[in-house]
């Protein structure tokens, strides 16, 4: 929803009314599922989550709009370069006393997230948003929690409840409907 809203505000897109109905329904299903699964609520945590959703939606829309002119590779490269001073400072402040306790898989995980999630993945994400429409392609984010839960079930043996499968099916329908009317 946030990416679609910023796609309208910053990207000049104008989805149809039916798009918004499907988008709201899909976002409501995801939020309802998350709410039903949570054990306790934290106002601070909820506010931080809302802030991060809004900031990420703005960042995705801006990145996609810039990718139309510069290309996805340049946009993410500049974003990482411009964030380097702040990230370096945060890394220095939170630097552990030693690295002896950091295992090989942890280093591999860091390398994967750094190279693929933060660099290569964003090249394709921004390109997809720029070509397919920020609002339309951004609807795929509604499926992200369910992909994460499915991977947790597949790779870690986490239980997959029937409610997850049912809500996923409804959200897939909402995403398809939103795409059709974008």
N, C-alpha and C. Protein backbone atom coordinates (compact mmCIF):
# COMPACT_ATOMS: atom_id res chain seq x y z
N UNK A 1 0.82 -1.19 0.00
CA UNK A 1 0.00 0.00 0.00
C UNK A 1 0.86 1.25 0.00
N UNK A 2 1.89 1.25 0.86
CA UNK A 2 2.75 2.44 0.95
C UNK A 2 3.47 2.68 -0.37
N UNK A 3 3.97 1.63 -0.99
CA UNK A 3 4.66 1.79 -2.27
C UNK A 3 3.68 2.31 -3.32
N UNK A 4 2.46 1.79 -3.33
CA UNK A 4 1.46 2.26 -4.29
C UNK A 4 1.10 3.72 -4.04
N UNK A 5 0.93 4.10 -2.78
CA UNK A 5 0.61 5.50 -2.46
C UNK A 5 1.72 6.44 -2.92
N UNK A 6 2.96 6.05 -2.65
CA UNK A 6 4.07 6.90 -3.08
C UNK A 6 4.27 6.83 -4.59
N UNK A 7 3.87 5.72 -5.21
CA UNK A 7 3.89 5.65 -6.67
C UNK A 7 2.96 6.68 -7.29
N UNK A 8 1.85 6.94 -6.62
CA UNK A 8 0.91 7.97 -7.06
C UNK A 8 1.48 9.36 -6.78
N UNK A 9 1.96 9.56 -5.54
CA UNK A 9 2.44 10.88 -5.14
C UNK A 9 3.74 11.29 -5.83
N UNK A 10 4.67 10.36 -5.96
CA UNK A 10 6.00 10.70 -6.47
C UNK A 10 6.23 10.21 -7.90
N UNK A 11 5.50 9.17 -8.33
CA UNK A 11 5.73 8.59 -9.65
C UNK A 11 4.70 8.99 -10.69
N UNK A 12 3.68 9.74 -10.25
CA UNK A 12 2.68 10.21 -11.20
C UNK A 12 1.74 9.14 -11.73
N UNK A 13 1.64 8.02 -11.05
CA UNK A 13 0.77 6.95 -11.52
C UNK A 13 -0.67 7.20 -11.07
N UNK A 14 -1.63 6.68 -11.81
CA UNK A 14 -3.05 6.86 -11.50
C UNK A 14 -3.82 5.55 -11.66
N UNK A 15 -3.69 4.65 -10.69
CA UNK A 15 -4.45 3.39 -10.78
C UNK A 15 -5.96 3.64 -10.66
N UNK A 16 -6.72 2.69 -11.16
CA UNK A 16 -8.18 2.79 -11.11
C UNK A 16 -8.69 2.51 -9.69
N UNK A 17 -9.95 2.86 -9.45
CA UNK A 17 -10.58 2.66 -8.15
C UNK A 17 -10.57 1.18 -7.73
N UNK A 18 -10.80 0.29 -8.67
CA UNK A 18 -10.80 -1.14 -8.36
C UNK A 18 -9.43 -1.60 -7.86
N UNK A 19 -8.36 -1.01 -8.40
CA UNK A 19 -7.02 -1.32 -7.91
C UNK A 19 -6.93 -1.05 -6.42
N UNK A 20 -7.42 0.11 -6.00
CA UNK A 20 -7.35 0.48 -4.59
C UNK A 20 -8.18 -0.45 -3.71
N UNK A 21 -9.32 -0.89 -4.22
CA UNK A 21 -10.17 -1.82 -3.45
C UNK A 21 -9.44 -3.14 -3.23
N UNK A 22 -8.84 -3.68 -4.31
CA UNK A 22 -8.08 -4.92 -4.17
C UNK A 22 -6.85 -4.72 -3.29
N UNK A 23 -6.20 -3.58 -3.44
CA UNK A 23 -4.99 -3.29 -2.67
C UNK A 23 -5.32 -3.18 -1.17
N UNK A 24 -6.38 -2.48 -0.85
CA UNK A 24 -6.80 -2.34 0.55
C UNK A 24 -7.21 -3.70 1.12
N UNK A 25 -7.93 -4.49 0.33
CA UNK A 25 -8.35 -5.81 0.79
C UNK A 25 -7.12 -6.70 1.05
N UNK A 26 -6.16 -6.67 0.14
CA UNK A 26 -4.95 -7.48 0.32
C UNK A 26 -4.15 -7.03 1.53
N UNK A 27 -3.97 -5.72 1.67
CA UNK A 27 -3.22 -5.20 2.83
C UNK A 27 -3.97 -5.52 4.12
N UNK A 28 -5.29 -5.44 4.10
CA UNK A 28 -6.08 -5.79 5.28
C UNK A 28 -5.92 -7.25 5.66
N UNK A 29 -5.88 -8.13 4.66
CA UNK A 29 -5.68 -9.56 4.93
C UNK A 29 -4.31 -9.81 5.56
N UNK A 30 -3.28 -9.18 5.01
CA UNK A 30 -1.93 -9.35 5.56
C UNK A 30 -1.87 -8.81 6.99
N UNK A 31 -2.41 -7.61 7.19
CA UNK A 31 -2.39 -7.01 8.53
C UNK A 31 -3.21 -7.84 9.52
N UNK A 32 -4.36 -8.32 9.07
CA UNK A 32 -5.19 -9.15 9.94
C UNK A 32 -4.51 -10.46 10.30
N UNK A 33 -3.84 -11.08 9.33
CA UNK A 33 -3.11 -12.31 9.60
C UNK A 33 -1.99 -12.05 10.59
N UNK A 34 -1.24 -10.98 10.38
CA UNK A 34 -0.14 -10.64 11.30
C UNK A 34 -0.67 -10.36 12.70
N UNK A 35 -1.78 -9.63 12.78
CA UNK A 35 -2.37 -9.31 14.08
C UNK A 35 -2.84 -10.57 14.80
N UNK A 36 -3.45 -11.48 14.05
CA UNK A 36 -3.95 -12.72 14.64
C UNK A 36 -2.81 -13.62 15.12
N UNK A 37 -1.64 -13.52 14.50
CA UNK A 37 -0.50 -14.37 14.87
C UNK A 37 0.33 -13.80 16.00
N UNK A 38 0.20 -12.50 16.27
CA UNK A 38 1.06 -11.88 17.29
C UNK A 38 0.56 -12.22 18.68
N UNK A 39 1.53 -12.48 19.58
CA UNK A 39 1.18 -12.82 20.95
C UNK A 39 0.89 -11.59 21.79
N UNK A 40 1.67 -10.55 21.62
CA UNK A 40 1.46 -9.34 22.40
C UNK A 40 1.81 -8.14 21.52
N UNK A 41 1.30 -7.01 21.90
CA UNK A 41 1.51 -5.80 21.11
C UNK A 41 2.47 -4.87 21.83
N UNK A 42 3.25 -4.18 21.06
CA UNK A 42 4.15 -3.16 21.57
C UNK A 42 3.88 -1.89 20.79
N UNK A 43 3.40 -0.87 21.45
CA UNK A 43 3.09 0.37 20.77
C UNK A 43 4.34 0.93 20.08
N UNK A 44 5.46 0.90 20.77
CA UNK A 44 6.71 1.39 20.18
C UNK A 44 7.08 0.56 18.96
N UNK A 45 6.99 -0.75 19.09
CA UNK A 45 7.30 -1.63 17.97
C UNK A 45 6.36 -1.41 16.80
N UNK A 46 5.08 -1.24 17.08
CA UNK A 46 4.10 -0.99 16.01
C UNK A 46 4.37 0.33 15.31
N UNK A 47 4.69 1.37 16.07
CA UNK A 47 4.98 2.67 15.48
C UNK A 47 6.26 2.64 14.64
N UNK A 48 7.26 1.93 15.14
CA UNK A 48 8.49 1.78 14.36
C UNK A 48 8.24 1.00 13.07
N UNK A 49 7.38 -0.02 13.14
CA UNK A 49 7.04 -0.80 11.95
C UNK A 49 6.30 0.07 10.93
N UNK A 50 5.36 0.87 11.38
CA UNK A 50 4.64 1.77 10.48
C UNK A 50 5.59 2.77 9.84
N UNK A 51 6.49 3.34 10.65
CA UNK A 51 7.47 4.28 10.11
C UNK A 51 8.36 3.61 9.06
N UNK A 52 8.78 2.38 9.33
CA UNK A 52 9.64 1.70 8.36
C UNK A 52 8.88 1.36 7.09
N UNK A 53 7.62 1.00 7.21
CA UNK A 53 6.80 0.72 6.02
C UNK A 53 6.67 1.97 5.17
N UNK A 54 6.40 3.09 5.80
CA UNK A 54 6.26 4.34 5.05
C UNK A 54 7.58 4.76 4.39
N UNK A 55 8.68 4.66 5.14
CA UNK A 55 9.97 5.05 4.58
C UNK A 55 10.40 4.11 3.45
N UNK A 56 10.15 2.82 3.61
CA UNK A 56 10.50 1.89 2.53
C UNK A 56 9.64 2.13 1.29
N UNK A 57 8.35 2.38 1.49
CA UNK A 57 7.48 2.69 0.36
C UNK A 57 7.95 3.91 -0.40
N UNK A 58 8.34 4.95 0.34
CA UNK A 58 8.88 6.15 -0.29
C UNK A 58 10.18 5.84 -1.02
N UNK A 59 11.06 5.08 -0.37
CA UNK A 59 12.34 4.72 -0.99
C UNK A 59 12.15 3.91 -2.25
N UNK A 60 11.23 2.95 -2.23
CA UNK A 60 10.98 2.14 -3.42
C UNK A 60 10.44 2.99 -4.57
N UNK A 61 9.50 3.88 -4.25
CA UNK A 61 8.91 4.73 -5.30
C UNK A 61 9.95 5.69 -5.86
N UNK A 62 10.75 6.29 -5.00
CA UNK A 62 11.81 7.20 -5.48
C UNK A 62 12.85 6.45 -6.29
N UNK A 63 13.24 5.26 -5.81
CA UNK A 63 14.21 4.46 -6.55
C UNK A 63 13.69 4.06 -7.92
N UNK A 64 12.42 3.69 -7.99
CA UNK A 64 11.83 3.30 -9.27
C UNK A 64 11.75 4.50 -10.22
N UNK A 65 11.34 5.65 -9.68
CA UNK A 65 11.25 6.85 -10.53
C UNK A 65 12.64 7.24 -11.05
N UNK A 66 13.65 7.17 -10.19
CA UNK A 66 15.00 7.46 -10.63
C UNK A 66 15.52 6.43 -11.62
N UNK A 67 15.12 5.17 -11.44
CA UNK A 67 15.56 4.10 -12.35
C UNK A 67 15.07 4.33 -13.77
N UNK A 68 13.96 5.01 -13.90
CA UNK A 68 13.45 5.31 -15.25
C UNK A 68 14.42 6.21 -16.01
N UNK A 69 15.16 7.04 -15.27
CA UNK A 69 16.12 7.96 -15.90
C UNK A 69 17.55 7.46 -15.84
N UNK A 70 17.94 6.87 -14.70
CA UNK A 70 19.33 6.50 -14.50
C UNK A 70 19.62 5.02 -14.71
N UNK A 71 18.65 4.16 -14.47
CA UNK A 71 18.87 2.72 -14.49
C UNK A 71 19.00 2.19 -13.07
N UNK A 72 18.55 0.98 -12.85
CA UNK A 72 18.54 0.38 -11.52
C UNK A 72 19.92 0.23 -10.90
N UNK A 73 20.91 -0.13 -11.70
CA UNK A 73 22.26 -0.33 -11.19
C UNK A 73 22.82 0.97 -10.61
N UNK A 74 22.62 2.07 -11.31
CA UNK A 74 23.13 3.35 -10.84
C UNK A 74 22.39 3.83 -9.59
N UNK A 75 21.10 3.62 -9.55
CA UNK A 75 20.31 4.10 -8.41
C UNK A 75 20.74 3.40 -7.12
N UNK A 76 20.83 2.08 -7.13
CA UNK A 76 21.21 1.39 -5.89
C UNK A 76 22.67 1.65 -5.55
N UNK A 77 23.52 1.81 -6.55
CA UNK A 77 24.92 2.12 -6.27
C UNK A 77 25.05 3.48 -5.58
N UNK A 78 24.33 4.48 -6.08
CA UNK A 78 24.36 5.79 -5.44
C UNK A 78 23.75 5.75 -4.05
N UNK A 79 22.67 5.01 -3.89
CA UNK A 79 22.03 4.91 -2.57
C UNK A 79 22.99 4.30 -1.55
N UNK A 80 23.67 3.24 -1.95
CA UNK A 80 24.62 2.61 -1.03
C UNK A 80 25.81 3.52 -0.75
N UNK A 81 26.27 4.22 -1.75
CA UNK A 81 27.40 5.13 -1.57
C UNK A 81 27.02 6.29 -0.64
N UNK A 82 25.85 6.87 -0.85
CA UNK A 82 25.41 7.99 -0.01
C UNK A 82 25.12 7.57 1.42
N UNK A 83 24.71 6.33 1.63
CA UNK A 83 24.43 5.85 2.99
C UNK A 83 25.68 5.35 3.70
N UNK A 84 26.78 5.21 2.97
CA UNK A 84 28.01 4.67 3.55
C UNK A 84 28.49 5.41 4.79
N UNK A 85 28.55 6.74 4.82
CA UNK A 85 29.04 7.40 6.03
C UNK A 85 28.20 7.08 7.28
N UNK A 86 26.90 7.08 7.13
CA UNK A 86 26.02 6.79 8.28
C UNK A 86 26.17 5.33 8.69
N UNK A 87 26.20 4.44 7.72
CA UNK A 87 26.34 3.02 8.03
C UNK A 87 27.70 2.71 8.65
N UNK A 88 28.75 3.36 8.17
CA UNK A 88 30.09 3.16 8.75
C UNK A 88 30.12 3.64 10.20
N UNK A 89 29.50 4.77 10.46
CA UNK A 89 29.44 5.29 11.83
C UNK A 89 28.67 4.33 12.74
N UNK A 90 27.53 3.86 12.29
CA UNK A 90 26.74 2.91 13.08
C UNK A 90 27.51 1.61 13.30
N UNK A 91 28.22 1.15 12.29
CA UNK A 91 29.02 -0.06 12.44
C UNK A 91 30.12 0.15 13.46
N UNK A 92 30.75 1.30 13.43
CA UNK A 92 31.83 1.58 14.39
C UNK A 92 31.30 1.67 15.82
N UNK A 93 30.13 2.26 15.98
CA UNK A 93 29.55 2.41 17.31
C UNK A 93 29.11 1.06 17.88
N UNK A 94 28.64 0.18 17.03
CA UNK A 94 28.13 -1.11 17.49
C UNK A 94 29.12 -2.26 17.28
N UNK A 95 30.35 -1.94 16.99
CA UNK A 95 31.39 -2.93 16.73
C UNK A 95 31.57 -3.84 17.95
N UNK A 96 31.53 -5.16 17.75
CA UNK A 96 31.73 -6.06 18.89
C UNK A 96 33.19 -6.06 19.34
N UNK A 97 33.41 -6.56 20.54
CA UNK A 97 34.77 -6.61 21.09
C UNK A 97 35.66 -7.55 20.29
N UNK A 98 35.09 -8.59 19.72
CA UNK A 98 35.87 -9.53 18.93
C UNK A 98 34.99 -10.28 17.95
N UNK A 99 35.63 -10.91 16.98
CA UNK A 99 34.88 -11.63 15.95
C UNK A 99 35.05 -13.14 16.07
N UNK A 100 35.71 -13.60 17.12
CA UNK A 100 35.98 -15.03 17.29
C UNK A 100 34.69 -15.84 17.39
N UNK A 101 33.65 -15.27 17.95
CA UNK A 101 32.40 -15.99 18.12
C UNK A 101 31.50 -16.00 16.89
N UNK A 102 31.92 -15.32 15.84
CA UNK A 102 31.10 -15.25 14.62
C UNK A 102 31.44 -16.45 13.75
N UNK A 103 30.42 -17.25 13.46
CA UNK A 103 30.64 -18.50 12.72
C UNK A 103 30.71 -18.25 11.22
N UNK A 104 31.17 -19.25 10.51
CA UNK A 104 31.25 -19.20 9.05
C UNK A 104 29.89 -18.96 8.40
N UNK A 105 28.84 -19.69 8.81
CA UNK A 105 27.53 -19.44 8.23
C UNK A 105 27.03 -18.00 8.46
N UNK A 106 27.39 -17.41 9.59
CA UNK A 106 26.99 -16.02 9.85
C UNK A 106 27.68 -15.08 8.86
N UNK A 107 28.97 -15.32 8.59
CA UNK A 107 29.68 -14.49 7.60
C UNK A 107 29.09 -14.70 6.20
N UNK A 108 28.74 -15.94 5.87
CA UNK A 108 28.12 -16.20 4.57
C UNK A 108 26.76 -15.50 4.46
N UNK A 109 26.00 -15.52 5.56
CA UNK A 109 24.72 -14.83 5.56
C UNK A 109 24.88 -13.34 5.35
N UNK A 110 25.87 -12.75 6.02
CA UNK A 110 26.15 -11.33 5.83
C UNK A 110 26.55 -11.03 4.39
N UNK A 111 27.40 -11.88 3.82
CA UNK A 111 27.83 -11.68 2.43
C UNK A 111 26.64 -11.78 1.48
N UNK A 112 25.77 -12.77 1.71
CA UNK A 112 24.60 -12.94 0.85
C UNK A 112 23.69 -11.71 0.91
N UNK A 113 23.38 -11.27 2.12
CA UNK A 113 22.50 -10.10 2.29
C UNK A 113 23.14 -8.87 1.66
N UNK A 114 24.44 -8.71 1.84
CA UNK A 114 25.13 -7.54 1.30
C UNK A 114 25.15 -7.52 -0.21
N UNK A 115 25.49 -8.64 -0.81
CA UNK A 115 25.65 -8.67 -2.27
C UNK A 115 24.31 -8.84 -2.98
N UNK A 116 23.54 -9.84 -2.58
CA UNK A 116 22.34 -10.16 -3.33
C UNK A 116 21.13 -9.33 -2.92
N UNK A 117 20.84 -9.25 -1.62
CA UNK A 117 19.66 -8.51 -1.19
C UNK A 117 19.82 -7.01 -1.36
N UNK A 118 20.98 -6.49 -1.00
CA UNK A 118 21.16 -5.04 -1.01
C UNK A 118 21.74 -4.48 -2.31
N UNK A 119 22.22 -5.30 -3.19
CA UNK A 119 22.80 -4.79 -4.42
C UNK A 119 22.10 -5.39 -5.63
N UNK A 120 22.33 -6.64 -5.90
CA UNK A 120 21.79 -7.27 -7.09
C UNK A 120 20.26 -7.29 -7.08
N UNK A 121 19.68 -7.65 -5.94
CA UNK A 121 18.22 -7.71 -5.86
C UNK A 121 17.55 -6.39 -6.15
N UNK A 122 18.14 -5.31 -5.64
CA UNK A 122 17.54 -3.99 -5.87
C UNK A 122 17.68 -3.52 -7.30
N UNK A 123 18.71 -3.95 -8.00
CA UNK A 123 18.83 -3.61 -9.42
C UNK A 123 17.59 -4.09 -10.16
N UNK A 124 17.22 -5.35 -9.92
CA UNK A 124 16.05 -5.93 -10.60
C UNK A 124 14.74 -5.38 -10.03
N UNK A 125 14.70 -5.14 -8.72
CA UNK A 125 13.48 -4.61 -8.10
C UNK A 125 13.15 -3.24 -8.65
N UNK A 126 14.13 -2.35 -8.69
CA UNK A 126 13.88 -1.00 -9.22
C UNK A 126 13.52 -1.05 -10.70
N UNK A 127 14.19 -1.91 -11.43
CA UNK A 127 13.89 -2.05 -12.87
C UNK A 127 12.45 -2.54 -13.05
N UNK A 128 12.05 -3.53 -12.27
CA UNK A 128 10.69 -4.05 -12.34
C UNK A 128 9.66 -3.01 -11.97
N UNK A 129 9.92 -2.25 -10.92
CA UNK A 129 9.00 -1.17 -10.53
C UNK A 129 8.91 -0.12 -11.62
N UNK A 130 10.04 0.23 -12.21
CA UNK A 130 10.06 1.27 -13.24
C UNK A 130 9.31 0.80 -14.49
N UNK A 131 9.51 -0.44 -14.90
CA UNK A 131 8.88 -0.93 -16.13
C UNK A 131 7.42 -1.32 -15.94
N UNK A 132 7.11 -2.00 -14.83
CA UNK A 132 5.76 -2.51 -14.63
C UNK A 132 4.82 -1.56 -13.92
N UNK A 133 5.36 -0.46 -13.41
CA UNK A 133 4.54 0.48 -12.65
C UNK A 133 4.77 0.29 -11.17
N UNK A 134 5.04 1.38 -10.49
CA UNK A 134 5.36 1.32 -9.07
C UNK A 134 4.20 0.73 -8.28
N UNK A 135 3.01 1.23 -8.51
CA UNK A 135 1.84 0.76 -7.76
C UNK A 135 1.55 -0.71 -8.05
N UNK A 136 1.60 -1.09 -9.32
CA UNK A 136 1.26 -2.45 -9.72
C UNK A 136 2.26 -3.46 -9.19
N UNK A 137 3.52 -3.26 -9.48
CA UNK A 137 4.55 -4.22 -9.08
C UNK A 137 4.72 -4.20 -7.55
N UNK A 138 4.52 -3.04 -6.95
CA UNK A 138 4.63 -2.93 -5.50
C UNK A 138 3.66 -3.83 -4.76
N UNK A 139 2.57 -4.22 -5.41
CA UNK A 139 1.59 -5.11 -4.78
C UNK A 139 2.17 -6.48 -4.47
N UNK A 140 3.24 -6.86 -5.17
CA UNK A 140 3.89 -8.14 -4.90
C UNK A 140 4.43 -8.21 -3.47
N UNK A 141 4.67 -7.05 -2.87
CA UNK A 141 5.17 -7.02 -1.50
C UNK A 141 4.17 -7.62 -0.51
N UNK A 142 2.88 -7.63 -0.88
CA UNK A 142 1.89 -8.24 0.00
C UNK A 142 2.14 -9.73 0.19
N UNK A 143 2.84 -10.33 -0.77
CA UNK A 143 3.12 -11.77 -0.68
C UNK A 143 4.38 -12.08 0.13
N UNK A 144 5.18 -11.07 0.41
CA UNK A 144 6.46 -11.28 1.09
C UNK A 144 6.35 -12.02 2.42
N UNK A 145 5.43 -11.64 3.31
CA UNK A 145 5.36 -12.37 4.59
C UNK A 145 5.07 -13.85 4.40
N UNK A 146 4.26 -14.16 3.41
CA UNK A 146 3.89 -15.56 3.19
C UNK A 146 5.03 -16.36 2.58
N UNK A 147 5.83 -15.72 1.72
CA UNK A 147 7.02 -16.39 1.21
C UNK A 147 7.99 -16.67 2.35
N UNK A 148 8.13 -15.71 3.25
CA UNK A 148 9.00 -15.91 4.41
C UNK A 148 8.52 -17.05 5.28
N UNK A 149 7.22 -17.10 5.53
CA UNK A 149 6.66 -18.19 6.35
C UNK A 149 6.78 -19.53 5.63
N UNK A 150 6.58 -19.55 4.31
CA UNK A 150 6.71 -20.79 3.54
C UNK A 150 8.15 -21.29 3.57
N UNK A 151 9.11 -20.38 3.42
CA UNK A 151 10.52 -20.78 3.50
C UNK A 151 10.87 -21.29 4.89
N UNK A 152 10.31 -20.65 5.92
CA UNK A 152 10.54 -21.13 7.29
C UNK A 152 9.99 -22.54 7.46
N UNK A 153 8.86 -22.82 6.85
CA UNK A 153 8.29 -24.16 6.90
C UNK A 153 9.13 -25.16 6.14
N UNK A 154 9.58 -24.78 4.96
CA UNK A 154 10.35 -25.67 4.10
C UNK A 154 11.76 -25.91 4.64
N UNK A 155 12.44 -24.84 4.99
CA UNK A 155 13.85 -24.96 5.39
C UNK A 155 14.06 -25.26 6.87
N UNK A 156 13.16 -24.74 7.71
CA UNK A 156 13.36 -24.87 9.16
C UNK A 156 12.36 -25.80 9.84
N UNK A 157 11.44 -26.35 9.07
CA UNK A 157 10.46 -27.27 9.64
C UNK A 157 9.39 -26.60 10.48
N UNK A 158 9.21 -25.29 10.30
CA UNK A 158 8.16 -24.58 11.04
C UNK A 158 6.79 -25.09 10.57
N UNK A 159 5.82 -25.14 11.47
CA UNK A 159 4.49 -25.61 11.07
C UNK A 159 3.80 -24.59 10.15
N UNK A 160 3.09 -25.11 9.16
CA UNK A 160 2.34 -24.26 8.23
C UNK A 160 0.86 -24.52 8.50
N UNK A 161 0.18 -23.53 9.03
CA UNK A 161 -1.23 -23.67 9.40
C UNK A 161 -2.11 -23.50 8.17
N UNK A 162 -3.27 -24.11 8.23
CA UNK A 162 -4.23 -23.97 7.12
C UNK A 162 -4.62 -22.52 6.93
N UNK A 163 -4.64 -21.74 8.03
CA UNK A 163 -5.03 -20.33 7.94
C UNK A 163 -4.02 -19.54 7.09
N UNK A 164 -2.75 -19.92 7.18
CA UNK A 164 -1.74 -19.25 6.36
C UNK A 164 -1.98 -19.53 4.88
N UNK A 165 -2.29 -20.77 4.56
CA UNK A 165 -2.56 -21.14 3.17
C UNK A 165 -3.81 -20.41 2.66
N UNK A 166 -4.84 -20.35 3.49
CA UNK A 166 -6.08 -19.69 3.09
C UNK A 166 -5.88 -18.19 2.87
N UNK A 167 -5.20 -17.54 3.81
CA UNK A 167 -4.97 -16.10 3.67
C UNK A 167 -4.06 -15.83 2.48
N UNK A 168 -3.08 -16.69 2.25
CA UNK A 168 -2.20 -16.52 1.09
C UNK A 168 -3.01 -16.58 -0.20
N UNK A 169 -3.95 -17.51 -0.29
CA UNK A 169 -4.78 -17.62 -1.49
C UNK A 169 -5.61 -16.36 -1.71
N UNK A 170 -6.16 -15.82 -0.64
CA UNK A 170 -6.94 -14.58 -0.75
C UNK A 170 -6.04 -13.42 -1.18
N UNK A 171 -4.86 -13.33 -0.60
CA UNK A 171 -3.94 -12.23 -0.95
C UNK A 171 -3.48 -12.37 -2.40
N UNK A 172 -3.20 -13.58 -2.86
CA UNK A 172 -2.83 -13.78 -4.26
C UNK A 172 -3.97 -13.28 -5.16
N UNK A 173 -5.20 -13.58 -4.80
CA UNK A 173 -6.35 -13.07 -5.56
C UNK A 173 -6.41 -11.55 -5.56
N UNK A 174 -6.14 -10.94 -4.42
CA UNK A 174 -6.14 -9.47 -4.32
C UNK A 174 -5.03 -8.87 -5.16
N UNK A 175 -3.84 -9.48 -5.14
CA UNK A 175 -2.73 -8.98 -5.94
C UNK A 175 -3.06 -9.10 -7.43
N UNK A 176 -3.65 -10.23 -7.83
CA UNK A 176 -4.03 -10.41 -9.23
C UNK A 176 -5.10 -9.40 -9.63
N UNK A 177 -6.07 -9.17 -8.75
CA UNK A 177 -7.10 -8.16 -9.05
C UNK A 177 -6.53 -6.76 -9.15
N UNK A 178 -5.63 -6.43 -8.24
CA UNK A 178 -4.99 -5.10 -8.28
C UNK A 178 -4.20 -4.94 -9.57
N UNK A 179 -3.49 -5.96 -9.97
CA UNK A 179 -2.71 -5.89 -11.21
C UNK A 179 -3.62 -5.70 -12.42
N UNK A 180 -4.73 -6.39 -12.40
CA UNK A 180 -5.66 -6.29 -13.54
C UNK A 180 -6.22 -4.87 -13.69
N UNK A 181 -6.43 -4.20 -12.58
CA UNK A 181 -7.06 -2.87 -12.63
C UNK A 181 -6.10 -1.72 -12.43
N UNK A 182 -4.82 -2.00 -12.44
CA UNK A 182 -3.84 -0.91 -12.25
C UNK A 182 -3.83 -0.04 -13.49
